Amino acid sequence: MTAEGTIPKQAKGLNVFERYLTIWVVLCIVGGIVLGKFAPGFAEYLDGMAIYVNNAPVVSIPIAVCLFFMMYPIMVKIDFAEVLKAGKSIRPVGLTLFVNWAVKPFTMYAISLLFLGTLFYTFIGPDAVDLIRMPFGLDLPVGATYGIGKIIQVNGDKMWEVPLWRSYFAGCILLGIAPCTAMVLVWGFLARGNDGHTLVMVAINSLMMLLLYGLYGGFLLKVGRLPVPWQALLLSIAIYVALPLVAGYFSRKWIISHKGEAWFKEKFLHVLTPVTIIALLVTLVLLFSFKGEVILSNPLTILWIAIPLFIQTNLIFWLGYGLAKLLKLNYKDAAPAAMIGASNHFEVAIATSTMLFGLSSGAALATVVGVLIEVPVMLMLVKICLRTQSWFKR
């Protein structure tokens, strides 16, 4: 398959937003901190427009709408017909699935626990706590102990008080169980990989997330002493994975049948792309308006979270790349197999952490750090791939 026949035009390189994603996130940090200082009630007002269950906010309606429009444009690009081609490339598909689902979630857990819970524990603050919304499905009285924290009342709402580092840890876990299904199309193309394999894995990973994201999330969060009720996980997956996935599938099918594939790729997706960008940036600004005080009081917070994420990304890349070499894959299959595992679907992680723990949580902040380092780290790995093509057979 040629690149022209598989990859949409908008995926053939980094657009302005994607290329300078790190700068956009830094601007959102500044904008969020300023908003938090001069209009501290604005983000709280939006986050407070929520559906309440048992005196606890469950779904913030404005944030849910914003996050849906962040997810839908990604899901509508997925062509699930590519799944049928998986049988033609058993080894690269098997390798990618093994790294994504049998290795990556557990290495993220271990690395994050080592750095956040041990090496950086004193820097984050042994006594620092995070107030996160009580997960949907719980109806505990004030003063009750749940997991590593306890239920307290703040401004009339029940909140879950947990150690701050545990909240960051939860965000890292949610990143580790979300393999990329969006920008990996760009990374694979820039690395001159097999575009067909990338498309197949984008479709397969989207379906795998629908089935496994809740199972892995529930298990690892429970082991990490931040148990989340299954009701909360299922609701999160339904709103932020299943709903945009189903909406994307049927709207894609309807548009292509009525307007044609060329119009869908060249017109519809072109108009839709800014929607994702705006929704993501608005979400980031609101999130940082909550966490501005934490960042200003401890400016290295982002660094403490970024280091384990950086190590995890490189570890998974080299593991996938090395296994591809052992399996004697050609370079065009090895590069995207390694890239798909290394990259994270940060949009899903942000949406899920916001749904489970709240926009003001440390977990949500940790997922945003994943956005901050995504582009520079993945571009570095693309260059490594290009310089090591000779390691693989043609």
Protein backbone atom coordinates (compact mmCIF):
# COMPACT_ATOMS: atom_id res chain seq x y z
CA MET A 1 0.00 0.00 0.00
CA THR A 2 1.17 3.49 -0.75
CA ALA A 3 0.90 6.40 1.62
CA GLU A 4 -1.42 8.15 -0.81
CA GLY A 5 -3.89 5.32 -0.62
CA THR A 6 -4.02 5.00 3.13
CA ILE A 7 -3.24 8.17 5.04
CA PRO A 8 -5.55 11.18 4.82
CA LYS A 9 -3.91 14.35 3.58
CA GLN A 10 -4.23 16.11 6.94
CA ALA A 11 -2.16 13.39 8.60
CA LYS A 12 0.83 13.73 6.29
CA GLY A 13 2.88 15.85 8.64
CA LEU A 14 2.46 18.09 11.62
CA ASN A 15 0.15 21.05 11.26
CA VAL A 16 0.91 24.30 13.08
CA PHE A 17 -0.97 23.24 16.20
CA GLU A 18 0.64 19.79 16.40
CA ARG A 19 4.15 21.08 15.65
CA TYR A 20 4.00 23.64 18.45
CA LEU A 21 1.83 21.63 20.84
CA THR A 22 4.32 22.08 23.70
CA ILE A 23 4.22 25.87 23.25
CA TRP A 24 0.41 25.81 23.19
CA VAL A 25 0.37 23.90 26.47
CA VAL A 26 2.81 26.36 28.06
CA LEU A 27 0.55 29.23 26.94
CA CYS A 28 -2.42 27.39 28.46
CA ILE A 29 -0.52 27.07 31.74
CA VAL A 30 0.10 30.83 31.76
CA GLY A 31 -3.46 31.60 30.67
CA GLY A 32 -4.91 29.22 33.26
CA ILE A 33 -2.84 30.68 36.09
CA VAL A 34 -3.88 34.22 35.09
CA LEU A 35 -7.53 33.14 34.90
CA GLY A 36 -7.26 31.51 38.32
CA LYS A 37 -5.80 34.69 39.79
CA PHE A 38 -8.17 37.26 38.30
CA ALA A 39 -11.36 35.22 37.82
CA PRO A 40 -11.06 32.32 40.26
CA GLY A 41 -14.77 31.63 40.25
CA PHE A 42 -15.17 31.19 36.50
CA ALA A 43 -13.74 27.66 36.16
CA GLU A 44 -15.37 26.65 39.44
CA TYR A 45 -18.71 27.91 38.12
CA LEU A 46 -18.38 25.82 34.94
CA ASP A 47 -17.19 22.75 36.82
CA GLY A 48 -20.05 23.22 39.27
CA MET A 49 -22.70 23.05 36.52
CA ALA A 50 -22.84 19.33 37.12
CA ILE A 51 -25.21 16.43 37.48
CA TYR A 52 -25.21 15.54 41.18
CA VAL A 53 -25.75 12.10 42.69
CA ASN A 54 -25.88 11.67 46.48
CA ASN A 55 -24.70 15.23 47.06
CA ALA A 56 -21.58 14.68 44.93
CA PRO A 57 -20.89 16.19 41.48
CA VAL A 58 -20.68 13.41 38.90
CA VAL A 59 -20.62 14.96 35.42
CA SER A 60 -19.79 18.61 34.77
CA ILE A 61 -22.02 19.42 31.80
CA PRO A 62 -19.89 22.20 30.17
CA ILE A 63 -16.71 20.16 30.61
CA ALA A 64 -18.39 17.01 29.28
CA VAL A 65 -19.49 18.87 26.15
CA CYS A 66 -16.00 20.29 25.70
CA LEU A 67 -14.36 16.90 26.12
CA PHE A 68 -16.81 15.23 23.74
CA PHE A 69 -15.85 17.68 21.00
CA MET A 70 -12.22 16.98 21.80
CA MET A 71 -12.81 13.24 21.25
CA TYR A 72 -15.28 13.10 18.36
CA PRO A 73 -12.99 14.52 15.64
CA ILE A 74 -10.40 11.87 16.52
CA MET A 75 -12.88 9.00 16.43
CA VAL A 76 -14.51 10.04 13.15
CA LYS A 77 -11.15 9.64 11.37
CA ILE A 78 -10.93 5.93 12.23
CA ASP A 79 -11.72 3.50 9.43
CA PHE A 80 -12.75 0.24 11.11
CA ALA A 81 -12.63 -1.57 7.78
CA GLU A 82 -8.86 -1.62 8.34
CA VAL A 83 -9.33 -4.18 11.13
CA LEU A 84 -10.08 -6.79 8.46
CA LYS A 85 -6.54 -6.36 7.15
CA ALA A 86 -4.96 -7.41 10.45
CA GLY A 87 -4.68 -11.02 9.30
CA LYS A 88 -2.25 -9.95 6.58
CA SER A 89 0.30 -8.72 9.13
CA ILE A 90 0.09 -11.06 12.11
CA ARG A 91 3.59 -10.46 13.50
CA PRO A 92 3.62 -6.63 13.62
CA VAL A 93 0.01 -6.54 14.85
CA GLY A 94 0.76 -9.16 17.51
CA LEU A 95 3.87 -7.27 18.64
CA THR A 96 1.98 -4.00 18.94
CA LEU A 97 -0.86 -5.59 20.91
CA PHE A 98 1.62 -7.33 23.24
CA VAL A 99 3.53 -4.13 24.02
CA ASN A 100 0.39 -1.98 24.35
CA TRP A 101 -1.65 -4.27 26.59
CA ALA A 102 0.66 -6.84 28.21
CA VAL A 103 3.61 -4.59 29.04
CA LYS A 104 2.96 -0.85 28.85
CA PRO A 105 0.27 -0.49 31.58
CA PHE A 106 2.44 -2.31 34.12
CA THR A 107 5.70 -0.53 33.33
CA MET A 108 3.88 2.81 33.65
CA TYR A 109 2.54 1.71 37.02
CA ALA A 110 5.97 0.63 38.27
CA ILE A 111 7.92 3.63 36.96
CA SER A 112 5.37 6.17 38.22
CA LEU A 113 5.24 4.50 41.64
CA LEU A 114 9.04 4.50 41.87
CA PHE A 115 9.46 8.18 41.01
CA LEU A 116 6.32 9.81 42.41
CA GLY A 117 5.94 7.58 45.47
CA THR A 118 9.63 7.21 46.38
CA LEU A 119 12.25 9.33 44.62
CA PHE A 120 10.18 12.53 44.36
CA TYR A 121 7.98 11.92 47.40
CA THR A 122 9.63 14.58 49.56
CA PHE A 123 9.71 17.11 46.71
CA ILE A 124 5.98 16.77 46.02
CA GLY A 125 5.29 17.02 49.74
CA PRO A 126 4.64 14.19 52.23
CA ASP A 127 1.71 16.13 53.71
CA ALA A 128 0.37 17.55 50.44
CA VAL A 129 -3.20 16.43 49.72
CA ASP A 130 -5.56 16.67 46.79
CA LEU A 131 -9.30 17.17 47.05
CA ILE A 132 -11.03 15.23 44.31
CA ARG A 133 -14.67 14.59 43.68
CA MET A 134 -16.13 11.47 45.21
CA PRO A 135 -16.43 8.97 42.33
CA PHE A 136 -19.84 8.14 40.94
CA GLY A 137 -21.22 5.00 42.54
CA LEU A 138 -20.04 5.85 46.07
CA ASP A 139 -22.33 7.07 48.83
CA LEU A 140 -20.07 7.32 51.85
CA PRO A 141 -20.63 9.49 54.91
CA VAL A 142 -18.30 12.36 55.78
CA GLY A 143 -15.34 11.00 57.76
CA ALA A 144 -15.39 7.56 56.11
CA THR A 145 -12.12 6.06 54.90
CA TYR A 146 -11.95 4.95 51.28
CA GLY A 147 -8.80 3.58 49.71
CA ILE A 148 -5.86 5.70 50.78
CA GLY A 149 -8.02 8.73 51.58
CA LYS A 150 -11.08 9.87 53.49
CA ILE A 151 -14.34 11.62 52.69
CA ILE A 152 -14.63 15.23 53.82
CA GLN A 153 -17.11 18.03 53.14
CA VAL A 154 -16.04 21.16 51.27
CA ASN A 155 -18.51 23.97 50.61
CA GLY A 156 -21.38 21.54 51.04
CA ASP A 157 -19.96 18.93 48.62
CA LYS A 158 -18.50 15.58 49.56
CA MET A 159 -14.88 15.34 48.44
CA TRP A 160 -12.26 12.61 48.60
CA GLU A 161 -9.04 13.75 50.30
CA VAL A 162 -6.02 11.76 49.07
CA PRO A 163 -2.23 12.25 49.08
CA LEU A 164 -1.27 14.56 46.22
CA TRP A 165 1.33 12.20 44.79
CA ARG A 166 -1.28 9.44 44.59
CA SER A 167 -3.46 11.71 42.50
CA TYR A 168 -0.58 12.35 40.08
CA PHE A 169 0.04 8.59 40.09
CA ALA A 170 -3.56 7.93 39.05
CA GLY A 171 -3.17 10.28 36.06
CA CYS A 172 -0.04 8.44 34.95
CA ILE A 173 -1.89 5.11 35.18
CA LEU A 174 -4.67 6.45 32.94
CA LEU A 175 -2.07 7.59 30.40
CA GLY A 176 -0.33 4.21 30.44
CA ILE A 177 -3.48 2.28 29.49
CA ALA A 178 -4.37 4.55 26.55
CA PRO A 179 -2.35 3.68 23.42
CA CYS A 180 -2.40 6.40 20.80
CA THR A 181 -4.95 6.32 17.99
CA ALA A 182 -4.56 9.87 16.69
CA MET A 183 -1.16 11.52 16.27
CA VAL A 184 0.51 8.14 15.77
CA LEU A 185 -0.60 8.46 12.13
CA VAL A 186 1.74 11.43 11.91
CA TRP A 187 4.62 9.76 13.75
CA GLY A 188 4.42 6.68 11.53
CA PHE A 189 4.38 8.80 8.38
CA LEU A 190 7.32 10.97 9.48
CA ALA A 191 9.32 7.84 10.32
CA ARG A 192 8.55 6.48 6.80
CA GLY A 193 6.80 3.46 8.26
CA ASN A 194 4.10 1.20 6.88
CA ASP A 195 1.02 3.43 6.79
CA GLY A 196 -1.21 0.39 6.33
CA HIS A 197 -0.04 -1.17 9.58
CA THR A 198 -0.54 2.13 11.41
CA LEU A 199 -4.13 2.39 10.19
CA VAL A 200 -4.86 -1.22 11.15
CA MET A 201 -3.55 -0.65 14.68
CA VAL A 202 -5.44 2.64 15.08
CA ALA A 203 -8.68 0.77 14.42
CA ILE A 204 -7.77 -2.24 16.59
CA ASN A 205 -6.58 -0.11 19.53
CA SER A 206 -9.79 1.91 19.46
CA LEU A 207 -11.80 -1.30 19.84
CA MET A 208 -9.40 -2.67 22.46
CA MET A 209 -9.77 0.49 24.54
CA LEU A 210 -13.52 0.06 24.48
CA LEU A 211 -13.07 -3.43 25.94
CA LEU A 212 -9.99 -3.17 28.14
CA TYR A 213 -9.60 0.44 29.26
CA GLY A 214 -12.09 0.07 32.11
CA LEU A 215 -10.73 -3.32 33.19
CA TYR A 216 -7.12 -2.15 33.32
CA GLY A 217 -8.03 1.18 34.88
CA GLY A 218 -10.16 -0.38 37.59
CA PHE A 219 -7.53 -3.00 38.45
CA LEU A 220 -4.47 -0.73 38.52
CA LEU A 221 -6.20 2.11 40.38
CA LYS A 222 -7.39 -0.39 42.99
CA VAL A 223 -3.89 -1.80 43.39
CA GLY A 224 -2.65 1.80 43.68
CA ARG A 225 -5.10 2.32 46.58
CA LEU A 226 -7.31 4.70 44.62
CA PRO A 227 -10.21 2.36 43.90
CA VAL A 228 -12.87 3.66 41.55
CA PRO A 229 -16.33 2.04 41.40
CA TRP A 230 -17.15 0.19 38.20
CA GLN A 231 -20.16 2.47 37.72
CA ALA A 232 -17.81 5.45 37.42
CA LEU A 233 -15.49 3.68 34.98
CA LEU A 234 -18.35 2.45 32.80
CA LEU A 235 -19.94 5.91 32.75
CA SER A 236 -16.61 7.48 31.80
CA ILE A 237 -16.00 4.97 28.98
CA ALA A 238 -19.58 5.36 27.76
CA ILE A 239 -19.36 9.16 27.56
CA TYR A 240 -15.78 9.68 26.39
CA VAL A 241 -14.93 6.53 24.42
CA ALA A 242 -18.09 4.69 23.32
CA LEU A 243 -20.27 7.72 22.52
CA PRO A 244 -17.75 9.56 20.31
CA LEU A 245 -16.66 6.23 18.80
CA VAL A 246 -20.22 5.29 17.81
CA ALA A 247 -21.02 8.84 16.69
CA GLY A 248 -17.82 8.92 14.66
CA TYR A 249 -18.48 5.56 13.03
CA PHE A 250 -22.04 6.29 11.92
CA SER A 251 -21.44 9.91 10.91
CA ARG A 252 -18.36 8.88 8.91
CA LYS A 253 -20.37 6.17 7.15
CA TRP A 254 -23.27 8.54 6.42
CA ILE A 255 -21.10 11.41 5.17
CA ILE A 256 -19.00 9.20 2.88
CA SER A 257 -22.12 7.56 1.43
CA HIS A 258 -23.71 10.95 0.68
CA LYS A 259 -20.70 13.14 -0.10
CA GLY A 260 -17.93 10.74 -1.04
CA GLU A 261 -14.62 9.89 0.62
CA ALA A 262 -12.71 12.73 -1.06
CA TRP A 263 -15.13 15.36 0.32
CA PHE A 264 -15.00 13.73 3.76
CA LYS A 265 -11.20 13.83 3.93
CA GLU A 266 -10.54 17.13 2.20
CA LYS A 267 -13.50 19.23 3.36
CA PHE A 268 -15.17 17.77 6.46
CA LEU A 269 -12.02 16.80 8.36
CA HIS A 270 -10.40 20.09 7.44
CA VAL A 271 -13.29 21.99 9.04
CA LEU A 272 -13.43 19.63 12.01
CA THR A 273 -9.75 19.85 13.00
CA PRO A 274 -10.02 23.28 14.71
CA VAL A 275 -12.85 21.89 16.87
CA THR A 276 -10.46 19.44 18.54
CA ILE A 277 -7.86 22.15 18.97
CA ILE A 278 -10.25 24.65 20.54
CA ALA A 279 -11.83 22.03 22.83
CA LEU A 280 -8.41 20.81 24.02
CA LEU A 281 -7.06 24.32 24.65
CA VAL A 282 -10.18 25.42 26.54
CA THR A 283 -9.97 22.30 28.71
CA LEU A 284 -6.30 22.96 29.46
CA VAL A 285 -6.86 26.59 30.40
CA LEU A 286 -9.69 25.66 32.77
CA LEU A 287 -7.62 22.87 34.31
CA PHE A 288 -4.63 25.10 34.94
CA SER A 289 -6.85 27.80 36.43
CA PHE A 290 -7.52 25.28 39.22
CA LYS A 291 -3.90 24.15 39.56
CA GLY A 292 -2.17 27.54 39.21
CA GLU A 293 -1.57 27.83 42.96
CA VAL A 294 -0.02 24.35 43.12
CA ILE A 295 2.30 25.12 40.20
CA LEU A 296 3.33 28.52 41.59
CA SER A 297 4.00 27.13 45.07
CA ASN A 298 5.94 24.19 43.64
CA PRO A 299 7.14 25.15 40.12
CA LEU A 300 8.92 21.82 39.64
CA THR A 301 5.65 19.87 39.95
CA ILE A 302 5.44 19.44 36.19
CA LEU A 303 9.04 18.22 36.08
CA TRP A 304 8.39 15.55 38.74
CA ILE A 305 5.52 14.20 36.64
CA ALA A 306 7.32 14.58 33.29
CA ILE A 307 10.40 12.54 34.23
CA PRO A 308 8.64 9.17 34.74
CA LEU A 309 6.51 9.81 31.64
CA PHE A 310 9.66 10.52 29.60
CA ILE A 311 11.37 7.35 30.86
CA GLN A 312 8.26 5.26 30.19
CA THR A 313 7.93 6.56 26.62
CA ASN A 314 11.56 5.74 25.82
CA LEU A 315 11.43 2.34 27.52
CA ILE A 316 8.36 1.23 25.58
CA PHE A 317 9.78 2.54 22.31
CA TRP A 318 13.06 0.65 22.69
CA LEU A 319 11.28 -2.48 23.87
CA GLY A 320 9.02 -2.47 20.81
CA TYR A 321 11.88 -1.57 18.49
CA GLY A 322 14.13 -4.27 19.95
CA LEU A 323 11.45 -6.96 19.76
CA ALA A 324 10.77 -5.97 16.17
CA LYS A 325 14.44 -6.59 15.44
CA LEU A 326 14.29 -10.01 17.14
CA LEU A 327 11.17 -10.90 15.16
CA LYS A 328 13.02 -9.90 11.97
CA LEU A 329 10.40 -7.38 10.92
CA ASN A 330 11.30 -4.98 8.17
CA TYR A 331 11.84 -1.34 9.05
CA LYS A 332 8.49 -0.14 7.69
CA ASP A 333 6.67 -2.41 10.17
CA ALA A 334 9.14 -1.98 13.06
CA ALA A 335 8.92 1.84 13.18
CA PRO A 336 5.13 2.19 13.59
CA ALA A 337 5.01 -0.84 15.93
CA ALA A 338 7.41 0.96 18.29
CA MET A 339 5.75 4.36 17.82
CA ILE A 340 2.22 3.17 18.59
CA GLY A 341 3.32 1.75 21.93
CA ALA A 342 5.40 4.77 22.91
CA SER A 343 2.73 7.38 22.16
CA ASN A 344 -0.30 7.93 24.41
CA HIS A 345 -3.92 8.77 23.65
CA PHE A 346 -3.78 11.76 25.99
CA GLU A 347 -7.25 12.96 24.97
CA VAL A 348 -8.87 9.82 26.42
CA ALA A 349 -6.70 10.05 29.54
CA ILE A 350 -7.63 13.72 30.12
CA ALA A 351 -11.32 13.01 29.62
CA THR A 352 -11.31 9.97 31.91
CA SER A 353 -9.32 11.62 34.71
CA THR A 354 -11.64 14.63 34.58
CA MET A 355 -14.69 12.39 34.73
CA LEU A 356 -13.38 10.19 37.55
CA PHE A 357 -11.53 12.70 39.72
CA GLY A 358 -12.57 16.17 38.57
CA LEU A 359 -11.03 18.93 36.48
CA SER A 360 -9.22 20.34 39.53
CA SER A 361 -7.54 17.02 40.41
CA GLY A 362 -3.86 16.18 40.33
CA ALA A 363 -4.77 13.21 38.15
CA ALA A 364 -6.06 15.53 35.44
CA LEU A 365 -2.90 17.64 35.73
CA ALA A 366 -0.70 14.56 35.26
CA THR A 367 -2.48 13.62 32.03
CA VAL A 368 -1.88 17.13 30.70
CA VAL A 369 1.85 16.77 31.34
CA GLY A 370 1.59 13.89 28.88
CA VAL A 371 0.42 16.41 26.29
CA LEU A 372 3.29 18.74 27.21
CA ILE A 373 6.04 16.22 26.40
CA GLU A 374 4.30 14.32 23.57
CA VAL A 375 5.57 16.22 20.54
CA PRO A 376 9.25 16.83 21.46
CA VAL A 377 9.75 13.27 22.71
CA MET A 378 8.01 11.61 19.76
CA LEU A 379 9.90 13.78 17.25
CA MET A 380 13.12 12.66 18.94
CA LEU A 381 12.07 9.02 18.50
CA VAL A 382 11.16 9.65 14.85
CA LYS A 383 14.73 10.88 14.26
CA ILE A 384 16.11 7.79 16.00
CA CYS A 385 14.04 5.58 13.70
CA LEU A 386 15.23 7.37 10.58
CA ARG A 387 18.86 7.07 11.64
CA THR A 388 18.61 3.34 12.44
CA GLN A 389 16.81 2.09 9.33
CA SER A 390 19.92 0.06 8.45
CA TRP A 391 19.31 -2.14 11.51
CA PHE A 392 16.38 -3.77 9.76
CA LYS A 393 15.97 -5.67 6.54
CA ARG A 394 14.40 -3.84 3.62
